[in-house]
PDB file of N, CA and C in Angstrom:
ATOM      1  N   UNK A   1     -11.132  -2.298  41.542  1.00  0.00           N
ATOM      2  CA  UNK A   1     -11.509  -3.517  40.851  1.00  0.00           C
ATOM      3  C   UNK A   1     -11.134  -4.693  41.744  1.00  0.00           C
ATOM      4  N   UNK A   2     -12.096  -5.554  41.974  1.00  0.00           N
ATOM      5  CA  UNK A   2     -11.864  -6.723  42.815  1.00  0.00           C
ATOM      6  C   UNK A   2     -12.005  -7.979  41.971  1.00  0.00           C
ATOM      7  N   UNK A   3     -11.034  -8.840  42.047  1.00  0.00           N
ATOM      8  CA  UNK A   3     -11.074 -10.090  41.290  1.00  0.00           C
ATOM      9  C   UNK A   3     -10.952 -11.259  42.246  1.00  0.00           C
ATOM     10  N   UNK A   4     -11.826 -12.238  42.050  1.00  0.00           N
ATOM     11  CA  UNK A   4     -11.805 -13.439  42.874  1.00  0.00           C
ATOM     12  C   UNK A   4     -11.853 -14.639  41.937  1.00  0.00           C
ATOM     13  N   UNK A   5     -10.862 -15.506  41.993  1.00  0.00           N
ATOM     14  CA  UNK A   5     -10.900 -16.685  41.112  1.00  0.00           C
ATOM     15  C   UNK A   5     -12.004 -17.648  41.557  1.00  0.00           C
ATOM     16  N   UNK A   6     -12.661 -18.228  40.591  1.00  0.00           N
ATOM     17  CA  UNK A   6     -13.679 -19.232  40.873  1.00  0.00           C
ATOM     18  C   UNK A   6     -13.023 -20.598  40.817  1.00  0.00           C
ATOM     19  N   UNK A   7     -13.123 -21.306  41.883  1.00  0.00           N
ATOM     20  CA  UNK A   7     -12.518 -22.626  41.949  1.00  0.00           C
ATOM     21  C   UNK A   7     -13.612 -23.674  41.843  1.00  0.00           C
ATOM     22  N   UNK A   8     -13.661 -24.297  40.713  1.00  0.00           N
ATOM     23  CA  UNK A   8     -14.653 -25.350  40.492  1.00  0.00           C
ATOM     24  C   UNK A   8     -14.010 -26.694  40.794  1.00  0.00           C
ATOM     25  N   UNK A   9     -14.809 -27.622  41.312  1.00  0.00           N
ATOM     26  CA  UNK A   9     -14.242 -28.959  41.534  1.00  0.00           C
ATOM     27  C   UNK A   9     -13.851 -29.588  40.201  1.00  0.00           C
ATOM     28  N   UNK A  10     -12.851 -30.426  40.236  1.00  0.00           N
ATOM     29  CA  UNK A  10     -12.415 -31.085  39.003  1.00  0.00           C
ATOM     30  C   UNK A  10     -13.535 -31.961  38.470  1.00  0.00           C
ATOM     31  N   UNK A  11     -13.827 -31.757  37.227  1.00  0.00           N
ATOM     32  CA  UNK A  11     -14.885 -32.538  36.592  1.00  0.00           C
ATOM     33  C   UNK A  11     -14.315 -33.847  36.062  1.00  0.00           C
ATOM     34  N   UNK A  12     -15.159 -34.840  36.018  1.00  0.00           N
ATOM     35  CA  UNK A  12     -14.767 -36.110  35.418  1.00  0.00           C
ATOM     36  C   UNK A  12     -14.872 -35.935  33.904  1.00  0.00           C
ATOM     37  N   UNK A  13     -13.755 -35.800  33.245  1.00  0.00           N
ATOM     38  CA  UNK A  13     -13.744 -35.513  31.819  1.00  0.00           C
ATOM     39  C   UNK A  13     -13.699 -36.770  30.961  1.00  0.00           C
ATOM     40  N   UNK A  14     -13.964 -37.912  31.551  1.00  0.00           N
ATOM     41  CA  UNK A  14     -13.958 -39.158  30.808  1.00  0.00           C
ATOM     42  C   UNK A  14     -15.363 -39.442  30.295  1.00  0.00           C
ATOM     43  N   UNK A  15     -15.484 -39.594  28.999  1.00  0.00           N
ATOM     44  CA  UNK A  15     -16.788 -39.887  28.404  1.00  0.00           C
ATOM     45  C   UNK A  15     -17.143 -41.353  28.635  1.00  0.00           C
ATOM     46  N   UNK A  16     -18.433 -41.616  28.776  1.00  0.00           N
ATOM     47  CA  UNK A  16     -18.884 -42.996  28.964  1.00  0.00           C
ATOM     48  C   UNK A  16     -18.701 -43.780  27.666  1.00  0.00           C
ATOM     49  N   UNK A  17     -18.749 -45.085  27.768  1.00  0.00           N
ATOM     50  CA  UNK A  17     -18.593 -45.911  26.568  1.00  0.00           C
ATOM     51  C   UNK A  17     -19.754 -45.675  25.602  1.00  0.00           C
ATOM     52  N   UNK A  18     -20.962 -45.473  26.133  1.00  0.00           N
ATOM     53  CA  UNK A  18     -22.109 -45.195  25.265  1.00  0.00           C
ATOM     54  C   UNK A  18     -21.938 -43.867  24.537  1.00  0.00           C
ATOM     55  N   UNK A  19     -21.424 -42.855  25.249  1.00  0.00           N
ATOM     56  CA  UNK A  19     -21.213 -41.550  24.623  1.00  0.00           C
ATOM     57  C   UNK A  19     -20.142 -41.642  23.539  1.00  0.00           C
ATOM     58  N   UNK A  20     -19.066 -42.369  23.814  1.00  0.00           N
ATOM     59  CA  UNK A  20     -18.017 -42.556  22.804  1.00  0.00           C
ATOM     60  C   UNK A  20     -18.583 -43.216  21.553  1.00  0.00           C
ATOM     61  N   UNK A  21     -19.423 -44.225  21.746  1.00  0.00           N
ATOM     62  CA  UNK A  21     -19.997 -44.909  20.592  1.00  0.00           C
ATOM     63  C   UNK A  21     -20.934 -43.975  19.825  1.00  0.00           C
ATOM     64  N   UNK A  22     -21.727 -43.200  20.541  1.00  0.00           N
ATOM     65  CA  UNK A  22     -22.625 -42.245  19.883  1.00  0.00           C
ATOM     66  C   UNK A  22     -21.829 -41.216  19.079  1.00  0.00           C
ATOM     67  N   UNK A  23     -20.702 -40.761  19.624  1.00  0.00           N
ATOM     68  CA  UNK A  23     -19.852 -39.821  18.882  1.00  0.00           C
ATOM     69  C   UNK A  23     -19.313 -40.479  17.619  1.00  0.00           C
ATOM     70  N   UNK A  24     -18.950 -41.746  17.707  1.00  0.00           N
ATOM     71  CA  UNK A  24     -18.431 -42.468  16.544  1.00  0.00           C
ATOM     72  C   UNK A  24     -19.483 -42.555  15.448  1.00  0.00           C
ATOM     73  N   UNK A  25     -20.718 -42.870  15.827  1.00  0.00           N
ATOM     74  CA  UNK A  25     -21.800 -42.980  14.843  1.00  0.00           C
ATOM     75  C   UNK A  25     -22.057 -41.628  14.181  1.00  0.00           C
ATOM     76  N   UNK A  26     -22.093 -40.563  14.980  1.00  0.00           N
ATOM     77  CA  UNK A  26     -22.323 -39.228  14.427  1.00  0.00           C
ATOM     78  C   UNK A  26     -21.189 -38.819  13.489  1.00  0.00           C
ATOM     79  N   UNK A  27     -19.957 -39.090  13.893  1.00  0.00           N
ATOM     80  CA  UNK A  27     -18.803 -38.738  13.068  1.00  0.00           C
ATOM     81  C   UNK A  27     -18.818 -39.517  11.755  1.00  0.00           C
ATOM     82  N   UNK A  28     -19.204 -40.777  11.824  1.00  0.00           N
ATOM     83  CA  UNK A  28     -19.292 -41.604  10.620  1.00  0.00           C
ATOM     84  C   UNK A  28     -20.312 -41.010   9.648  1.00  0.00           C
ATOM     85  N   UNK A  29     -21.440 -40.569  10.163  1.00  0.00           N
ATOM     86  CA  UNK A  29     -22.447 -39.933   9.321  1.00  0.00           C
ATOM     87  C   UNK A  29     -21.917 -38.678   8.648  1.00  0.00           C
ATOM     88  N   UNK A  30     -21.163 -37.879   9.383  1.00  0.00           N
ATOM     89  CA  UNK A  30     -20.581 -36.664   8.805  1.00  0.00           C
ATOM     90  C   UNK A  30     -19.603 -37.009   7.682  1.00  0.00           C
ATOM     91  N   UNK A  31     -18.827 -38.057   7.877  1.00  0.00           N
ATOM     92  CA  UNK A  31     -17.878 -38.475   6.842  1.00  0.00           C
ATOM     93  C   UNK A  31     -18.598 -38.998   5.606  1.00  0.00           C
ATOM     94  N   UNK A  32     -19.644 -39.791   5.813  1.00  0.00           N
ATOM     95  CA  UNK A  32     -20.381 -40.337   4.669  1.00  0.00           C
ATOM     96  C   UNK A  32     -21.006 -39.234   3.826  1.00  0.00           C
ATOM     97  N   UNK A  33     -21.469 -38.180   4.479  1.00  0.00           N
ATOM     98  CA  UNK A  33     -22.102 -37.070   3.763  1.00  0.00           C
ATOM     99  C   UNK A  33     -21.079 -36.064   3.246  1.00  0.00           C
ATOM    100  N   UNK A  34     -19.819 -36.252   3.615  1.00  0.00           N
ATOM    101  CA  UNK A  34     -18.766 -35.285   3.317  1.00  0.00           C
ATOM    102  C   UNK A  34     -19.202 -33.903   3.787  1.00  0.00           C
ATOM    103  N   UNK A  35     -19.678 -33.860   5.014  1.00  0.00           N
ATOM    104  CA  UNK A  35     -20.226 -32.649   5.603  1.00  0.00           C
ATOM    105  C   UNK A  35     -19.169 -31.563   5.761  1.00  0.00           C
ATOM    106  N   UNK A  36     -19.601 -30.338   5.591  1.00  0.00           N
ATOM    107  CA  UNK A  36     -18.722 -29.197   5.817  1.00  0.00           C
ATOM    108  C   UNK A  36     -18.348 -29.083   7.294  1.00  0.00           C
ATOM    109  N   UNK A  37     -19.093 -29.747   8.152  1.00  0.00           N
ATOM    110  CA  UNK A  37     -18.877 -29.672   9.595  1.00  0.00           C
ATOM    111  C   UNK A  37     -18.062 -30.840  10.147  1.00  0.00           C
ATOM    112  N   UNK A  38     -17.507 -31.650   9.271  1.00  0.00           N
ATOM    113  CA  UNK A  38     -16.782 -32.835   9.749  1.00  0.00           C
ATOM    114  C   UNK A  38     -15.451 -32.501  10.404  1.00  0.00           C
ATOM    115  N   UNK A  39     -14.938 -31.322  10.167  1.00  0.00           N
ATOM    116  CA  UNK A  39     -13.679 -30.918  10.790  1.00  0.00           C
ATOM    117  C   UNK A  39     -12.552 -31.860  10.434  1.00  0.00           C
ATOM    118  N   UNK A  40     -11.840 -32.338  11.444  1.00  0.00           N
ATOM    119  CA  UNK A  40     -10.713 -33.245  11.202  1.00  0.00           C
ATOM    120  C   UNK A  40     -11.105 -34.705  11.439  1.00  0.00           C
ATOM    121  N   UNK A  41     -12.374 -35.002  11.266  1.00  0.00           N
ATOM    122  CA  UNK A  41     -12.863 -36.376  11.444  1.00  0.00           C
ATOM    123  C   UNK A  41     -12.199 -37.306  10.436  1.00  0.00           C
ATOM    124  N   UNK A  42     -12.011 -38.536  10.852  1.00  0.00           N
ATOM    125  CA  UNK A  42     -11.441 -39.549   9.965  1.00  0.00           C
ATOM    126  C   UNK A  42     -12.031 -40.900  10.343  1.00  0.00           C
ATOM    127  N   UNK A  43     -11.918 -41.848   9.437  1.00  0.00           N
ATOM    128  CA  UNK A  43     -12.411 -43.189   9.735  1.00  0.00           C
ATOM    129  C   UNK A  43     -11.621 -43.806  10.885  1.00  0.00           C
ATOM    130  N   UNK A  44     -10.350 -43.490  10.970  1.00  0.00           N
ATOM    131  CA  UNK A  44      -9.530 -44.001  12.074  1.00  0.00           C
ATOM    132  C   UNK A  44     -10.050 -43.490  13.416  1.00  0.00           C
ATOM    133  N   UNK A  45     -10.465 -42.218  13.464  1.00  0.00           N
ATOM    134  CA  UNK A  45     -11.021 -41.666  14.704  1.00  0.00           C
ATOM    135  C   UNK A  45     -12.363 -42.305  15.027  1.00  0.00           C
ATOM    136  N   UNK A  46     -13.169 -42.559  13.993  1.00  0.00           N
ATOM    137  CA  UNK A  46     -14.455 -43.224  14.201  1.00  0.00           C
ATOM    138  C   UNK A  46     -14.222 -44.596  14.836  1.00  0.00           C
ATOM    139  N   UNK A  47     -13.291 -45.344  14.284  1.00  0.00           N
ATOM    140  CA  UNK A  47     -12.998 -46.684  14.798  1.00  0.00           C
ATOM    141  C   UNK A  47     -12.462 -46.610  16.227  1.00  0.00           C
ATOM    142  N   UNK A  48     -11.593 -45.654  16.487  1.00  0.00           N
ATOM    143  CA  UNK A  48     -11.033 -45.490  17.832  1.00  0.00           C
ATOM    144  C   UNK A  48     -12.141 -45.212  18.855  1.00  0.00           C
ATOM    145  N   UNK A  49     -13.041 -44.293  18.530  1.00  0.00           N
ATOM    146  CA  UNK A  49     -14.147 -43.979  19.438  1.00  0.00           C
ATOM    147  C   UNK A  49     -15.088 -45.163  19.604  1.00  0.00           C
ATOM    148  N   UNK A  50     -15.384 -45.830  18.500  1.00  0.00           N
ATOM    149  CA  UNK A  50     -16.305 -46.971  18.561  1.00  0.00           C
ATOM    150  C   UNK A  50     -15.725 -48.090  19.418  1.00  0.00           C
ATOM    151  N   UNK A  51     -14.433 -48.307  19.342  1.00  0.00           N
ATOM    152  CA  UNK A  51     -13.802 -49.352  20.171  1.00  0.00           C
ATOM    153  C   UNK A  51     -13.899 -49.010  21.654  1.00  0.00           C
ATOM    154  N   UNK A  52     -13.880 -47.718  21.972  1.00  0.00           N
ATOM    155  CA  UNK A  52     -14.051 -47.304  23.366  1.00  0.00           C
ATOM    156  C   UNK A  52     -15.474 -47.566  23.848  1.00  0.00           C
ATOM    157  N   UNK A  53     -16.380 -47.797  22.912  1.00  0.00           N
ATOM    158  CA  UNK A  53     -17.767 -48.041  23.261  1.00  0.00           C
ATOM    159  C   UNK A  53     -18.166 -49.496  23.227  1.00  0.00           C
ATOM    160  N   UNK A  54     -17.209 -50.397  23.221  1.00  0.00           N
ATOM    161  CA  UNK A  54     -17.519 -51.827  23.128  1.00  0.00           C
ATOM    162  C   UNK A  54     -17.876 -52.473  24.468  1.00  0.00           C
ATOM    163  N   UNK A  55     -17.850 -51.714  25.549  1.00  0.00           N
ATOM    164  CA  UNK A  55     -18.140 -52.286  26.868  1.00  0.00           C
ATOM    165  C   UNK A  55     -19.523 -52.924  26.940  1.00  0.00           C
ATOM    166  N   UNK A  56     -20.481 -52.311  26.281  1.00  0.00           N
ATOM    167  CA  UNK A  56     -21.863 -52.783  26.362  1.00  0.00           C
ATOM    168  C   UNK A  56     -22.330 -53.191  24.965  1.00  0.00           C
ATOM    169  N   UNK A  57     -21.952 -54.386  24.534  1.00  0.00           N
ATOM    170  CA  UNK A  57     -22.287 -54.860  23.186  1.00  0.00           C
ATOM    171  C   UNK A  57     -22.722 -56.327  23.235  1.00  0.00           C
ATOM    172  N   UNK A  58     -23.839 -56.622  23.921  1.00  0.00           N
ATOM    173  CA  UNK A  58     -24.229 -58.023  24.108  1.00  0.00           C
ATOM    174  C   UNK A  58     -24.606 -58.745  22.815  1.00  0.00           C
ATOM    175  N   UNK A  59     -25.075 -58.012  21.820  1.00  0.00           N
ATOM    176  CA  UNK A  59     -25.507 -58.646  20.570  1.00  0.00           C
ATOM    177  C   UNK A  59     -24.510 -58.489  19.425  1.00  0.00           C
ATOM    178  N   UNK A  60     -23.407 -57.803  19.668  1.00  0.00           N
ATOM    179  CA  UNK A  60     -22.377 -57.649  18.652  1.00  0.00           C
ATOM    180  C   UNK A  60     -22.637 -56.567  17.622  1.00  0.00           C
ATOM    181  N   UNK A  61     -23.651 -55.727  17.850  1.00  0.00           N
ATOM    182  CA  UNK A  61     -23.969 -54.685  16.870  1.00  0.00           C
ATOM    183  C   UNK A  61     -22.860 -53.637  16.761  1.00  0.00           C
ATOM    184  N   UNK A  62     -22.250 -53.326  17.867  1.00  0.00           N
ATOM    185  CA  UNK A  62     -21.186 -52.317  17.844  1.00  0.00           C
ATOM    186  C   UNK A  62     -19.948 -52.855  17.129  1.00  0.00           C
ATOM    187  N   UNK A  63     -19.643 -54.113  17.333  1.00  0.00           N
ATOM    188  CA  UNK A  63     -18.523 -54.725  16.588  1.00  0.00           C
ATOM    189  C   UNK A  63     -18.828 -54.729  15.093  1.00  0.00           C
ATOM    190  N   UNK A  64     -20.061 -55.002  14.752  1.00  0.00           N
ATOM    191  CA  UNK A  64     -20.464 -54.990  13.344  1.00  0.00           C
ATOM    192  C   UNK A  64     -20.324 -53.586  12.762  1.00  0.00           C
ATOM    193  N   UNK A  65     -20.658 -52.571  13.548  1.00  0.00           N
ATOM    194  CA  UNK A  65     -20.483 -51.188  13.106  1.00  0.00           C
ATOM    195  C   UNK A  65     -19.013 -50.916  12.794  1.00  0.00           C
ATOM    196  N   UNK A  66     -18.125 -51.377  13.655  1.00  0.00           N
ATOM    197  CA  UNK A  66     -16.688 -51.177  13.427  1.00  0.00           C
ATOM    198  C   UNK A  66     -16.258 -51.861  12.134  1.00  0.00           C
ATOM    199  N   UNK A  67     -16.741 -53.079  11.891  1.00  0.00           N
ATOM    200  CA  UNK A  67     -16.413 -53.772  10.634  1.00  0.00           C
ATOM    201  C   UNK A  67     -16.933 -52.985   9.427  1.00  0.00           C
ATOM    202  N   UNK A  68     -18.109 -52.401   9.560  1.00  0.00           N
ATOM    203  CA  UNK A  68     -18.677 -51.592   8.481  1.00  0.00           C
ATOM    204  C   UNK A  68     -17.801 -50.371   8.198  1.00  0.00           C
ATOM    205  N   UNK A  69     -17.373 -49.691   9.245  1.00  0.00           N
ATOM    206  CA  UNK A  69     -16.512 -48.513   9.075  1.00  0.00           C
ATOM    207  C   UNK A  69     -15.194 -48.922   8.428  1.00  0.00           C
ATOM    208  N   UNK A  70     -14.627 -50.039   8.856  1.00  0.00           N
ATOM    209  CA  UNK A  70     -13.373 -50.514   8.257  1.00  0.00           C
ATOM    210  C   UNK A  70     -13.556 -50.820   6.775  1.00  0.00           C
ATOM    211  N   UNK A  71     -14.703 -51.389   6.411  1.00  0.00           N
ATOM    212  CA  UNK A  71     -14.967 -51.691   4.998  1.00  0.00           C
ATOM    213  C   UNK A  71     -15.091 -50.409   4.187  1.00  0.00           C
ATOM    214  N   UNK A  72     -15.794 -49.427   4.719  1.00  0.00           N
ATOM    215  CA  UNK A  72     -15.947 -48.150   4.009  1.00  0.00           C
ATOM    216  C   UNK A  72     -14.596 -47.458   3.881  1.00  0.00           C
ATOM    217  N   UNK A  73     -13.787 -47.538   4.927  1.00  0.00           N
ATOM    218  CA  UNK A  73     -12.450 -46.942   4.883  1.00  0.00           C
ATOM    219  C   UNK A  73     -11.632 -47.556   3.744  1.00  0.00           C
ATOM    220  N   UNK A  74     -11.721 -48.863   3.570  1.00  0.00           N
ATOM    221  CA  UNK A  74     -11.002 -49.533   2.484  1.00  0.00           C
ATOM    222  C   UNK A  74     -11.526 -49.090   1.121  1.00  0.00           C
ATOM    223  N   UNK A  75     -12.823 -48.887   1.006  1.00  0.00           N
ATOM    224  CA  UNK A  75     -13.397 -48.419  -0.262  1.00  0.00           C
ATOM    225  C   UNK A  75     -12.927 -47.013  -0.603  1.00  0.00           C
ATOM    226  N   UNK A  76     -12.757 -46.184   0.413  1.00  0.00           N
ATOM    227  CA  UNK A  76     -12.293 -44.810   0.194  1.00  0.00           C
ATOM    228  C   UNK A  76     -10.860 -44.794  -0.325  1.00  0.00           C
ATOM    229  N   UNK A  77     -10.074 -45.792   0.059  1.00  0.00           N
ATOM    230  CA  UNK A  77      -8.668 -45.856  -0.360  1.00  0.00           C
ATOM    231  C   UNK A  77      -8.565 -46.192  -1.842  1.00  0.00           C
ATOM    232  N   UNK A  78      -9.492 -47.009  -2.323  1.00  0.00           N
ATOM    233  CA  UNK A  78      -9.442 -47.475  -3.717  1.00  0.00           C
ATOM    234  C   UNK A  78      -9.715 -46.348  -4.680  1.00  0.00           C
TER     235      UNK A  78
END
């Protein structure tokens, strides 16, 4: 039996700001639907990911999304 380790170059494991924001939107949808696939998703995680995606927000839509998530989070507490 011959074994040879495969050495792959280190991948850049940092997600882009657009990808982080897309993940936040998808996670928010799962939470709103109370999806069985939401796993350990939370509004705090949605906000954290969305904030990582604020690099490209010329019209303020992403900031508005964060405010929307914060408002829904407050409604869930009540």
